[in-house]
């Protein structure tokens, strides 16, 4: 399984975590995700996801002037987005625990 397929399912929660404390515009979101280790992230993945999250009510946006170039659309998390993000974190921790347990129990079989 490619990492991109795994990432697709969790990227929504990761984007919400990035905007948890500060509003972020699209290109800045891509750069922040790369900074956190998501090196293969591209605009064609992030921009539609930001639009989807806004449509679902998890993000809101404001157009602001840019110091250089055209205006930028800044996204910030909504109350609903915070609740959804909290659910994501709880689900992730639960899943991570189960996968880690299975790897600890069975992973050594890969190297026999």
PDB file of N, CA and C in Angstrom:
ATOM      1  N   UNK A   1       0.850  -1.185   0.000  1.00  0.00           N
ATOM      2  CA  UNK A   1       0.000   0.000   0.000  1.00  0.00           C
ATOM      3  C   UNK A   1       0.890   1.241   0.000  1.00  0.00           C
ATOM      4  N   UNK A   2       0.567   2.161  -0.842  1.00  0.00           N
ATOM      5  CA  UNK A   2       1.352   3.392  -0.901  1.00  0.00           C
ATOM      6  C   UNK A   2       1.002   4.299   0.274  1.00  0.00           C
ATOM      7  N   UNK A   3       1.987   5.071   0.694  1.00  0.00           N
ATOM      8  CA  UNK A   3       1.783   5.996   1.816  1.00  0.00           C
ATOM      9  C   UNK A   3       0.687   7.011   1.491  1.00  0.00           C
ATOM     10  N   UNK A   4       0.573   7.402   0.205  1.00  0.00           N
ATOM     11  CA  UNK A   4      -0.437   8.389  -0.159  1.00  0.00           C
ATOM     12  C   UNK A   4      -1.843   7.880   0.118  1.00  0.00           C
ATOM     13  N   UNK A   5      -2.071   6.577  -0.032  1.00  0.00           N
ATOM     14  CA  UNK A   5      -3.384   6.011   0.255  1.00  0.00           C
ATOM     15  C   UNK A   5      -3.679   6.059   1.755  1.00  0.00           C
ATOM     16  N   UNK A   6      -2.687   5.771   2.567  1.00  0.00           N
ATOM     17  CA  UNK A   6      -2.864   5.868   4.016  1.00  0.00           C
ATOM     18  C   UNK A   6      -3.104   7.316   4.434  1.00  0.00           C
ATOM     19  N   UNK A   7      -2.340   8.220   3.862  1.00  0.00           N
ATOM     20  CA  UNK A   7      -2.420   9.629   4.215  1.00  0.00           C
ATOM     21  C   UNK A   7      -3.773  10.229   3.879  1.00  0.00           C
ATOM     22  N   UNK A   8      -4.360   9.794   2.785  1.00  0.00           N
ATOM     23  CA  UNK A   8      -5.631  10.341   2.337  1.00  0.00           C
ATOM     24  C   UNK A   8      -6.682  10.298   3.441  1.00  0.00           C
ATOM     25  N   UNK A   9      -6.684   9.224   4.207  1.00  0.00           N
ATOM     26  CA  UNK A   9      -7.666   9.076   5.261  1.00  0.00           C
ATOM     27  C   UNK A   9      -7.433   9.934   6.486  1.00  0.00           C
ATOM     28  N   UNK A  10      -6.226  10.425   6.694  1.00  0.00           N
ATOM     29  CA  UNK A  10      -5.937  11.181   7.914  1.00  0.00           C
ATOM     30  C   UNK A  10      -5.594  12.652   7.650  1.00  0.00           C
ATOM     31  N   UNK A  11      -5.459  13.012   6.401  1.00  0.00           N
ATOM     32  CA  UNK A  11      -5.041  14.380   6.078  1.00  0.00           C
ATOM     33  C   UNK A  11      -6.032  15.428   6.568  1.00  0.00           C
ATOM     34  N   UNK A  12      -7.311  15.103   6.524  1.00  0.00           N
ATOM     35  CA  UNK A  12      -8.336  16.035   6.993  1.00  0.00           C
ATOM     36  C   UNK A  12      -8.073  16.436   8.445  1.00  0.00           C
ATOM     37  N   UNK A  13      -7.827  15.461   9.296  1.00  0.00           N
ATOM     38  CA  UNK A  13      -7.538  15.747  10.701  1.00  0.00           C
ATOM     39  C   UNK A  13      -6.252  16.523  10.874  1.00  0.00           C
ATOM     40  N   UNK A  14      -5.260  16.214  10.059  1.00  0.00           N
ATOM     41  CA  UNK A  14      -3.976  16.923  10.141  1.00  0.00           C
ATOM     42  C   UNK A  14      -4.133  18.394   9.760  1.00  0.00           C
ATOM     43  N   UNK A  15      -4.933  18.664   8.740  1.00  0.00           N
ATOM     44  CA  UNK A  15      -5.190  20.049   8.324  1.00  0.00           C
ATOM     45  C   UNK A  15      -5.890  20.810   9.453  1.00  0.00           C
ATOM     46  N   UNK A  16      -6.865  20.178  10.080  1.00  0.00           N
ATOM     47  CA  UNK A  16      -7.560  20.836  11.197  1.00  0.00           C
ATOM     48  C   UNK A  16      -6.609  21.107  12.356  1.00  0.00           C
ATOM     49  N   UNK A  17      -5.693  20.194  12.614  1.00  0.00           N
ATOM     50  CA  UNK A  17      -4.706  20.412  13.675  1.00  0.00           C
ATOM     51  C   UNK A  17      -3.808  21.609  13.362  1.00  0.00           C
ATOM     52  N   UNK A  18      -3.449  21.783  12.093  1.00  0.00           N
ATOM     53  CA  UNK A  18      -2.583  22.905  11.709  1.00  0.00           C
ATOM     54  C   UNK A  18      -3.279  24.237  11.968  1.00  0.00           C
ATOM     55  N   UNK A  19      -4.588  24.319  11.692  1.00  0.00           N
ATOM     56  CA  UNK A  19      -5.290  25.601  11.867  1.00  0.00           C
ATOM     57  C   UNK A  19      -5.886  25.763  13.268  1.00  0.00           C
ATOM     58  N   UNK A  20      -5.576  24.841  14.153  1.00  0.00           N
ATOM     59  CA  UNK A  20      -6.148  24.871  15.496  1.00  0.00           C
ATOM     60  C   UNK A  20      -5.825  26.168  16.238  1.00  0.00           C
ATOM     61  N   UNK A  21      -4.631  26.700  16.063  1.00  0.00           N
ATOM     62  CA  UNK A  21      -4.228  27.886  16.821  1.00  0.00           C
ATOM     63  C   UNK A  21      -4.145  29.159  15.994  1.00  0.00           C
ATOM     64  N   UNK A  22      -3.886  29.027  14.695  1.00  0.00           N
ATOM     65  CA  UNK A  22      -3.700  30.216  13.860  1.00  0.00           C
ATOM     66  C   UNK A  22      -4.380  30.057  12.516  1.00  0.00           C
ATOM     67  N   UNK A  23      -4.894  31.170  11.986  1.00  0.00           N
ATOM     68  CA  UNK A  23      -5.442  31.110  10.641  1.00  0.00           C
ATOM     69  C   UNK A  23      -4.302  30.945   9.639  1.00  0.00           C
ATOM     70  N   UNK A  24      -4.590  30.274   8.540  1.00  0.00           N
ATOM     71  CA  UNK A  24      -3.569  29.894   7.576  1.00  0.00           C
ATOM     72  C   UNK A  24      -4.149  30.027   6.173  1.00  0.00           C
ATOM     73  N   UNK A  25      -3.361  30.505   5.223  1.00  0.00           N
ATOM     74  CA  UNK A  25      -3.816  30.512   3.828  1.00  0.00           C
ATOM     75  C   UNK A  25      -3.261  29.270   3.130  1.00  0.00           C
ATOM     76  N   UNK A  26      -3.814  28.952   1.977  1.00  0.00           N
ATOM     77  CA  UNK A  26      -3.544  27.688   1.307  1.00  0.00           C
ATOM     78  C   UNK A  26      -2.085  27.320   1.130  1.00  0.00           C
ATOM     79  N   UNK A  27      -1.310  28.200   0.517  1.00  0.00           N
ATOM     80  CA  UNK A  27       0.105  27.893   0.274  1.00  0.00           C
ATOM     81  C   UNK A  27       0.849  27.713   1.598  1.00  0.00           C
ATOM     82  N   UNK A  28       0.490  28.525   2.577  1.00  0.00           N
ATOM     83  CA  UNK A  28       1.102  28.420   3.910  1.00  0.00           C
ATOM     84  C   UNK A  28       0.783  27.051   4.527  1.00  0.00           C
ATOM     85  N   UNK A  29      -0.445  26.563   4.313  1.00  0.00           N
ATOM     86  CA  UNK A  29      -0.837  25.241   4.808  1.00  0.00           C
ATOM     87  C   UNK A  29       0.067  24.163   4.208  1.00  0.00           C
ATOM     88  N   UNK A  30       0.296  24.240   2.908  1.00  0.00           N
ATOM     89  CA  UNK A  30       1.160  23.264   2.233  1.00  0.00           C
ATOM     90  C   UNK A  30       2.556  23.294   2.844  1.00  0.00           C
ATOM     91  N   UNK A  31       3.091  24.481   3.052  1.00  0.00           N
ATOM     92  CA  UNK A  31       4.430  24.622   3.613  1.00  0.00           C
ATOM     93  C   UNK A  31       4.497  24.089   5.051  1.00  0.00           C
ATOM     94  N   UNK A  32       3.452  24.342   5.822  1.00  0.00           N
ATOM     95  CA  UNK A  32       3.436  23.864   7.210  1.00  0.00           C
ATOM     96  C   UNK A  32       3.357  22.337   7.249  1.00  0.00           C
ATOM     97  N   UNK A  33       2.521  21.752   6.402  1.00  0.00           N
ATOM     98  CA  UNK A  33       2.436  20.294   6.349  1.00  0.00           C
ATOM     99  C   UNK A  33       3.788  19.687   5.966  1.00  0.00           C
ATOM    100  N   UNK A  34       4.466  20.317   5.016  1.00  0.00           N
ATOM    101  CA  UNK A  34       5.800  19.834   4.628  1.00  0.00           C
ATOM    102  C   UNK A  34       6.769  19.942   5.802  1.00  0.00           C
ATOM    103  N   UNK A  35       6.671  21.021   6.544  1.00  0.00           N
ATOM    104  CA  UNK A  35       7.522  21.221   7.719  1.00  0.00           C
ATOM    105  C   UNK A  35       7.301  20.116   8.759  1.00  0.00           C
ATOM    106  N   UNK A  36       6.048  19.661   8.865  1.00  0.00           N
ATOM    107  CA  UNK A  36       5.727  18.595   9.819  1.00  0.00           C
ATOM    108  C   UNK A  36       6.000  17.205   9.266  1.00  0.00           C
ATOM    109  N   UNK A  37       6.616  17.130   8.082  1.00  0.00           N
ATOM    110  CA  UNK A  37       7.050  15.841   7.557  1.00  0.00           C
ATOM    111  C   UNK A  37       6.256  15.289   6.395  1.00  0.00           C
ATOM    112  N   UNK A  38       5.202  15.965   5.993  1.00  0.00           N
ATOM    113  CA  UNK A  38       4.405  15.514   4.858  1.00  0.00           C
ATOM    114  C   UNK A  38       5.015  16.061   3.565  1.00  0.00           C
ATOM    115  N   UNK A  39       6.162  15.537   3.201  1.00  0.00           N
ATOM    116  CA  UNK A  39       6.979  16.078   2.109  1.00  0.00           C
ATOM    117  C   UNK A  39       6.325  15.972   0.736  1.00  0.00           C
ATOM    118  N   UNK A  40       5.452  14.972   0.532  1.00  0.00           N
ATOM    119  CA  UNK A  40       4.867  14.756  -0.791  1.00  0.00           C
ATOM    120  C   UNK A  40       3.558  15.521  -1.022  1.00  0.00           C
ATOM    121  N   UNK A  41       3.149  16.324  -0.061  1.00  0.00           N
ATOM    122  CA  UNK A  41       1.888  17.062  -0.180  1.00  0.00           C
ATOM    123  C   UNK A  41       1.969  18.051  -1.337  1.00  0.00           C
ATOM    124  N   UNK A  42       0.888  18.112  -2.123  1.00  0.00           N
ATOM    125  CA  UNK A  42       0.836  19.040  -3.262  1.00  0.00           C
ATOM    126  C   UNK A  42      -0.436  19.883  -3.180  1.00  0.00           C
ATOM    127  N   UNK A  43      -0.410  21.000  -3.891  1.00  0.00           N
ATOM    128  CA  UNK A  43      -1.540  21.926  -3.887  1.00  0.00           C
ATOM    129  C   UNK A  43      -2.826  21.246  -4.351  1.00  0.00           C
ATOM    130  N   UNK A  44      -2.726  20.357  -5.323  1.00  0.00           N
ATOM    131  CA  UNK A  44      -3.898  19.674  -5.858  1.00  0.00           C
ATOM    132  C   UNK A  44      -4.598  18.790  -4.839  1.00  0.00           C
ATOM    133  N   UNK A  45      -3.937  18.495  -3.742  1.00  0.00           N
ATOM    134  CA  UNK A  45      -4.542  17.732  -2.649  1.00  0.00           C
ATOM    135  C   UNK A  45      -5.089  18.681  -1.580  1.00  0.00           C
ATOM    136  N   UNK A  46      -4.323  19.708  -1.268  1.00  0.00           N
ATOM    137  CA  UNK A  46      -4.662  20.576  -0.128  1.00  0.00           C
ATOM    138  C   UNK A  46      -5.816  21.531  -0.429  1.00  0.00           C
ATOM    139  N   UNK A  47      -5.797  22.211  -1.576  1.00  0.00           N
ATOM    140  CA  UNK A  47      -6.836  23.207  -1.855  1.00  0.00           C
ATOM    141  C   UNK A  47      -8.244  22.605  -1.903  1.00  0.00           C
ATOM    142  N   UNK A  48      -8.444  21.473  -2.589  1.00  0.00           N
ATOM    143  CA  UNK A  48      -9.791  20.875  -2.552  1.00  0.00           C
ATOM    144  C   UNK A  48     -10.203  20.443  -1.142  1.00  0.00           C
ATOM    145  N   UNK A  49      -9.245  19.992  -0.350  1.00  0.00           N
ATOM    146  CA  UNK A  49      -9.547  19.589   1.017  1.00  0.00           C
ATOM    147  C   UNK A  49      -9.969  20.792   1.862  1.00  0.00           C
ATOM    148  N   UNK A  50      -9.284  21.920   1.698  1.00  0.00           N
ATOM    149  CA  UNK A  50      -9.671  23.139   2.414  1.00  0.00           C
ATOM    150  C   UNK A  50     -11.097  23.549   2.040  1.00  0.00           C
ATOM    151  N   UNK A  51     -11.424  23.464   0.757  1.00  0.00           N
ATOM    152  CA  UNK A  51     -12.777  23.806   0.303  1.00  0.00           C
ATOM    153  C   UNK A  51     -13.811  22.851   0.895  1.00  0.00           C
ATOM    154  N   UNK A  52     -13.477  21.570   0.918  1.00  0.00           N
ATOM    155  CA  UNK A  52     -14.384  20.563   1.479  1.00  0.00           C
ATOM    156  C   UNK A  52     -14.631  20.823   2.962  1.00  0.00           C
ATOM    157  N   UNK A  53     -13.564  21.098   3.706  1.00  0.00           N
ATOM    158  CA  UNK A  53     -13.694  21.354   5.142  1.00  0.00           C
ATOM    159  C   UNK A  53     -14.504  22.616   5.416  1.00  0.00           C
ATOM    160  N   UNK A  54     -14.362  23.606   4.541  1.00  0.00           N
ATOM    161  CA  UNK A  54     -15.147  24.830   4.689  1.00  0.00           C
ATOM    162  C   UNK A  54     -16.626  24.538   4.387  1.00  0.00           C
ATOM    163  N   UNK A  55     -16.873  23.783   3.346  1.00  0.00           N
ATOM    164  CA  UNK A  55     -18.247  23.438   2.979  1.00  0.00           C
ATOM    165  C   UNK A  55     -18.930  22.631   4.086  1.00  0.00           C
ATOM    166  N   UNK A  56     -18.168  21.788   4.778  1.00  0.00           N
ATOM    167  CA  UNK A  56     -18.704  20.982   5.876  1.00  0.00           C
ATOM    168  C   UNK A  56     -18.897  21.796   7.162  1.00  0.00           C
ATOM    169  N   UNK A  57     -18.387  23.032   7.176  1.00  0.00           N
ATOM    170  CA  UNK A  57     -18.535  23.885   8.349  1.00  0.00           C
ATOM    171  C   UNK A  57     -17.426  23.746   9.376  1.00  0.00           C
ATOM    172  N   UNK A  58     -16.352  23.027   9.019  1.00  0.00           N
ATOM    173  CA  UNK A  58     -15.233  22.840   9.949  1.00  0.00           C
ATOM    174  C   UNK A  58     -14.223  23.976   9.874  1.00  0.00           C
ATOM    175  N   UNK A  59     -14.210  24.683   8.766  1.00  0.00           N
ATOM    176  CA  UNK A  59     -13.343  25.851   8.579  1.00  0.00           C
ATOM    177  C   UNK A  59     -14.205  27.010   8.104  1.00  0.00           C
ATOM    178  N   UNK A  60     -13.765  28.210   8.427  1.00  0.00           N
ATOM    179  CA  UNK A  60     -14.345  29.410   7.827  1.00  0.00           C
ATOM    180  C   UNK A  60     -13.198  30.160   7.170  1.00  0.00           C
ATOM    181  N   UNK A  61     -13.529  31.061   6.253  1.00  0.00           N
ATOM    182  CA  UNK A  61     -12.457  31.754   5.542  1.00  0.00           C
ATOM    183  C   UNK A  61     -12.734  33.251   5.450  1.00  0.00           C
ATOM    184  N   UNK A  62     -11.656  33.988   5.299  1.00  0.00           N
ATOM    185  CA  UNK A  62     -11.692  35.437   5.132  1.00  0.00           C
ATOM    186  C   UNK A  62     -10.667  35.809   4.071  1.00  0.00           C
ATOM    187  N   UNK A  63     -11.053  36.678   3.160  1.00  0.00           N
ATOM    188  CA  UNK A  63     -10.119  37.184   2.151  1.00  0.00           C
ATOM    189  C   UNK A  63      -9.409  38.398   2.738  1.00  0.00           C
ATOM    190  N   UNK A  64      -8.077  38.368   2.680  1.00  0.00           N
ATOM    191  CA  UNK A  64      -7.279  39.481   3.200  1.00  0.00           C
ATOM    192  C   UNK A  64      -6.242  39.888   2.160  1.00  0.00           C
ATOM    193  N   UNK A  65      -5.878  41.165   2.160  1.00  0.00           N
ATOM    194  CA  UNK A  65      -4.833  41.600   1.224  1.00  0.00           C
ATOM    195  C   UNK A  65      -3.498  40.929   1.534  1.00  0.00           C
ATOM    196  N   UNK A  66      -2.753  40.697   0.488  1.00  0.00           N
ATOM    197  CA  UNK A  66      -1.426  40.102   0.632  1.00  0.00           C
ATOM    198  C   UNK A  66      -0.383  41.198   0.491  1.00  0.00           C
ATOM    199  N   UNK A  67       0.710  41.111   1.262  1.00  0.00           N
ATOM    200  CA  UNK A  67       1.776  42.100   1.101  1.00  0.00           C
ATOM    201  C   UNK A  67       2.415  42.024  -0.281  1.00  0.00           C
ATOM    202  N   UNK A  68       2.337  40.846  -0.899  1.00  0.00           N
ATOM    203  CA  UNK A  68       2.842  40.710  -2.263  1.00  0.00           C
ATOM    204  C   UNK A  68       1.865  39.879  -3.078  1.00  0.00           C
ATOM    205  N   UNK A  69       1.406  40.405  -4.194  1.00  0.00           N
ATOM    206  CA  UNK A  69       0.507  39.661  -5.062  1.00  0.00           C
ATOM    207  C   UNK A  69      -0.959  39.807  -4.701  1.00  0.00           C
ATOM    208  N   UNK A  70      -1.765  38.869  -5.208  1.00  0.00           N
ATOM    209  CA  UNK A  70      -3.221  38.956  -5.008  1.00  0.00           C
ATOM    210  C   UNK A  70      -3.639  38.684  -3.568  1.00  0.00           C
ATOM    211  N   UNK A  71      -4.895  39.014  -3.271  1.00  0.00           N
ATOM    212  CA  UNK A  71      -5.442  38.749  -1.941  1.00  0.00           C
ATOM    213  C   UNK A  71      -5.346  37.256  -1.622  1.00  0.00           C
ATOM    214  N   UNK A  72      -5.325  36.954  -0.323  1.00  0.00           N
ATOM    215  CA  UNK A  72      -5.230  35.560   0.116  1.00  0.00           C
ATOM    216  C   UNK A  72      -6.484  35.176   0.891  1.00  0.00           C
ATOM    217  N   UNK A  73      -6.852  33.903   0.768  1.00  0.00           N
ATOM    218  CA  UNK A  73      -7.976  33.365   1.513  1.00  0.00           C
ATOM    219  C   UNK A  73      -7.420  32.655   2.741  1.00  0.00           C
ATOM    220  N   UNK A  74      -7.703  33.225   3.909  1.00  0.00           N
ATOM    221  CA  UNK A  74      -7.236  32.658   5.172  1.00  0.00           C
ATOM    222  C   UNK A  74      -8.328  31.787   5.787  1.00  0.00           C
ATOM    223  N   UNK A  75      -7.911  30.629   6.281  1.00  0.00           N
ATOM    224  CA  UNK A  75      -8.839  29.683   6.896  1.00  0.00           C
ATOM    225  C   UNK A  75      -8.611  29.643   8.395  1.00  0.00           C
ATOM    226  N   UNK A  76      -9.704  29.544   9.145  1.00  0.00           N
ATOM    227  CA  UNK A  76      -9.593  29.315  10.585  1.00  0.00           C
ATOM    228  C   UNK A  76     -10.625  28.258  10.977  1.00  0.00           C
ATOM    229  N   UNK A  77     -10.356  27.601  12.069  1.00  0.00           N
ATOM    230  CA  UNK A  77     -11.206  26.495  12.512  1.00  0.00           C
ATOM    231  C   UNK A  77     -12.454  27.038  13.196  1.00  0.00           C
ATOM    232  N   UNK A  78     -13.572  26.351  13.006  1.00  0.00           N
ATOM    233  CA  UNK A  78     -14.830  26.726  13.645  1.00  0.00           C
ATOM    234  C   UNK A  78     -15.015  25.871  14.906  1.00  0.00           C
ATOM    235  N   UNK A  79     -16.044  26.174  15.647  1.00  0.00           N
ATOM    236  CA  UNK A  79     -16.371  25.372  16.823  1.00  0.00           C
ATOM    237  C   UNK A  79     -16.635  23.920  16.412  1.00  0.00           C
ATOM    238  N   UNK A  80     -17.368  23.754  15.303  1.00  0.00           N
ATOM    239  CA  UNK A  80     -17.636  22.409  14.788  1.00  0.00           C
ATOM    240  C   UNK A  80     -16.338  21.733  14.360  1.00  0.00           C
ATOM    241  N   UNK A  81     -15.423  22.526  13.781  1.00  0.00           N
ATOM    242  CA  UNK A  81     -14.134  21.999  13.357  1.00  0.00           C
ATOM    243  C   UNK A  81     -13.303  21.519  14.541  1.00  0.00           C
ATOM    244  N   UNK A  82     -13.349  22.258  15.643  1.00  0.00           N
ATOM    245  CA  UNK A  82     -12.612  21.835  16.847  1.00  0.00           C
ATOM    246  C   UNK A  82     -13.159  20.517  17.378  1.00  0.00           C
ATOM    247  N   UNK A  83     -14.483  20.380  17.382  1.00  0.00           N
ATOM    248  CA  UNK A  83     -15.092  19.135  17.855  1.00  0.00           C
ATOM    249  C   UNK A  83     -14.713  17.974  16.933  1.00  0.00           C
ATOM    250  N   UNK A  84     -14.733  18.226  15.630  1.00  0.00           N
ATOM    251  CA  UNK A  84     -14.361  17.191  14.657  1.00  0.00           C
ATOM    252  C   UNK A  84     -12.881  16.822  14.818  1.00  0.00           C
ATOM    253  N   UNK A  85     -12.050  17.805  15.071  1.00  0.00           N
ATOM    254  CA  UNK A  85     -10.616  17.588  15.268  1.00  0.00           C
ATOM    255  C   UNK A  85     -10.378  16.758  16.534  1.00  0.00           C
ATOM    256  N   UNK A  86     -11.111  17.066  17.585  1.00  0.00           N
ATOM    257  CA  UNK A  86     -10.990  16.295  18.831  1.00  0.00           C
ATOM    258  C   UNK A  86     -11.369  14.839  18.579  1.00  0.00           C
ATOM    259  N   UNK A  87     -12.450  14.623  17.830  1.00  0.00           N
ATOM    260  CA  UNK A  87     -12.854  13.252  17.478  1.00  0.00           C
ATOM    261  C   UNK A  87     -11.757  12.551  16.681  1.00  0.00           C
ATOM    262  N   UNK A  88     -11.163  13.281  15.732  1.00  0.00           N
ATOM    263  CA  UNK A  88     -10.084  12.707  14.923  1.00  0.00           C
ATOM    264  C   UNK A  88      -8.929  12.250  15.810  1.00  0.00           C
ATOM    265  N   UNK A  89      -8.516  13.113  16.744  1.00  0.00           N
ATOM    266  CA  UNK A  89      -7.389  12.792  17.625  1.00  0.00           C
ATOM    267  C   UNK A  89      -7.708  11.558  18.470  1.00  0.00           C
ATOM    268  N   UNK A  90      -8.907  11.488  19.007  1.00  0.00           N
ATOM    269  CA  UNK A  90      -9.302  10.329  19.821  1.00  0.00           C
ATOM    270  C   UNK A  90      -9.317   9.050  18.982  1.00  0.00           C
ATOM    271  N   UNK A  91      -9.879   9.134  17.769  1.00  0.00           N
ATOM    272  CA  UNK A  91      -9.917   7.970  16.886  1.00  0.00           C
ATOM    273  C   UNK A  91      -8.513   7.551  16.467  1.00  0.00           C
ATOM    274  N   UNK A  92      -7.664   8.537  16.186  1.00  0.00           N
ATOM    275  CA  UNK A  92      -6.293   8.231  15.777  1.00  0.00           C
ATOM    276  C   UNK A  92      -5.537   7.515  16.906  1.00  0.00           C
ATOM    277  N   UNK A  93      -5.642   8.035  18.119  1.00  0.00           N
ATOM    278  CA  UNK A  93      -4.945   7.419  19.249  1.00  0.00           C
ATOM    279  C   UNK A  93      -5.427   5.985  19.465  1.00  0.00           C
ATOM    280  N   UNK A  94      -6.713   5.771  19.310  1.00  0.00           N
ATOM    281  CA  UNK A  94      -7.277   4.442  19.471  1.00  0.00           C
ATOM    282  C   UNK A  94      -6.746   3.499  18.385  1.00  0.00           C
ATOM    283  N   UNK A  95      -6.764   3.945  17.145  1.00  0.00           N
ATOM    284  CA  UNK A  95      -6.273   3.136  16.031  1.00  0.00           C
ATOM    285  C   UNK A  95      -4.772   2.889  16.156  1.00  0.00           C
ATOM    286  N   UNK A  96      -4.036   3.937  16.499  1.00  0.00           N
ATOM    287  CA  UNK A  96      -2.576   3.826  16.655  1.00  0.00           C
ATOM    288  C   UNK A  96      -2.234   2.770  17.709  1.00  0.00           C
ATOM    289  N   UNK A  97      -2.958   2.778  18.805  1.00  0.00           N
ATOM    290  CA  UNK A  97      -2.722   1.818  19.875  1.00  0.00           C
ATOM    291  C   UNK A  97      -2.943   0.388  19.393  1.00  0.00           C
ATOM    292  N   UNK A  98      -4.020   0.176  18.647  1.00  0.00           N
ATOM    293  CA  UNK A  98      -4.321  -1.167  18.137  1.00  0.00           C
ATOM    294  C   UNK A  98      -3.264  -1.635  17.141  1.00  0.00           C
ATOM    295  N   UNK A  99      -2.861  -0.750  16.226  1.00  0.00           N
ATOM    296  CA  UNK A  99      -1.852  -1.119  15.227  1.00  0.00           C
ATOM    297  C   UNK A  99      -0.514  -1.376  15.905  1.00  0.00           C
ATOM    298  N   UNK A 100      -0.129  -0.525  16.844  1.00  0.00           N
ATOM    299  CA  UNK A 100       1.128  -0.728  17.574  1.00  0.00           C
ATOM    300  C   UNK A 100       1.130  -2.065  18.313  1.00  0.00           C
ATOM    301  N   UNK A 101       0.006  -2.396  18.940  1.00  0.00           N
ATOM    302  CA  UNK A 101      -0.084  -3.679  19.642  1.00  0.00           C
ATOM    303  C   UNK A 101       0.097  -4.844  18.681  1.00  0.00           C
ATOM    304  N   UNK A 102      -0.540  -4.770  17.544  1.00  0.00           N
ATOM    305  CA  UNK A 102      -0.437  -5.837  16.556  1.00  0.00           C
ATOM    306  C   UNK A 102       0.978  -5.950  16.006  1.00  0.00           C
ATOM    307  N   UNK A 103       1.607  -4.831  15.742  1.00  0.00           N
ATOM    308  CA  UNK A 103       2.997  -4.843  15.252  1.00  0.00           C
ATOM    309  C   UNK A 103       3.918  -5.454  16.305  1.00  0.00           C
ATOM    310  N   UNK A 104       3.722  -5.077  17.555  1.00  0.00           N
ATOM    311  CA  UNK A 104       4.563  -5.638  18.628  1.00  0.00           C
ATOM    312  C   UNK A 104       4.381  -7.143  18.744  1.00  0.00           C
ATOM    313  N   UNK A 105       3.159  -7.604  18.584  1.00  0.00           N
ATOM    314  CA  UNK A 105       2.876  -9.038  18.719  1.00  0.00           C
ATOM    315  C   UNK A 105       3.298  -9.849  17.502  1.00  0.00           C
ATOM    316  N   UNK A 106       3.142  -9.285  16.311  1.00  0.00           N
ATOM    317  CA  UNK A 106       3.322 -10.059  15.093  1.00  0.00           C
ATOM    318  C   UNK A 106       4.437  -9.558  14.189  1.00  0.00           C
ATOM    319  N   UNK A 107       4.900  -8.351  14.397  1.00  0.00           N
ATOM    320  CA  UNK A 107       5.879  -7.734  13.499  1.00  0.00           C
ATOM    321  C   UNK A 107       7.179  -8.485  13.347  1.00  0.00           C
ATOM    322  N   UNK A 108       7.625  -9.142  14.402  1.00  0.00           N
ATOM    323  CA  UNK A 108       8.905  -9.861  14.321  1.00  0.00           C
ATOM    324  C   UNK A 108       8.836 -11.012  13.313  1.00  0.00           C
ATOM    325  N   UNK A 109       7.659 -11.495  13.002  1.00  0.00           N
ATOM    326  CA  UNK A 109       7.484 -12.585  12.028  1.00  0.00           C
ATOM    327  C   UNK A 109       7.951 -12.157  10.626  1.00  0.00           C
ATOM    328  N   UNK A 110       7.945 -10.870  10.388  1.00  0.00           N
ATOM    329  CA  UNK A 110       8.392 -10.354   9.083  1.00  0.00           C
ATOM    330  C   UNK A 110       9.880 -10.604   8.866  1.00  0.00           C
ATOM    331  N   UNK A 111      10.629 -10.723   9.944  1.00  0.00           N
ATOM    332  CA  UNK A 111      12.089 -10.807   9.846  1.00  0.00           C
ATOM    333  C   UNK A 111      12.618 -12.217  10.103  1.00  0.00           C
ATOM    334  N   UNK A 112      11.725 -13.186  10.162  1.00  0.00           N
ATOM    335  CA  UNK A 112      12.159 -14.581  10.372  1.00  0.00           C
ATOM    336  C   UNK A 112      12.513 -15.250   9.066  1.00  0.00           C
TER     337      UNK A 112
END
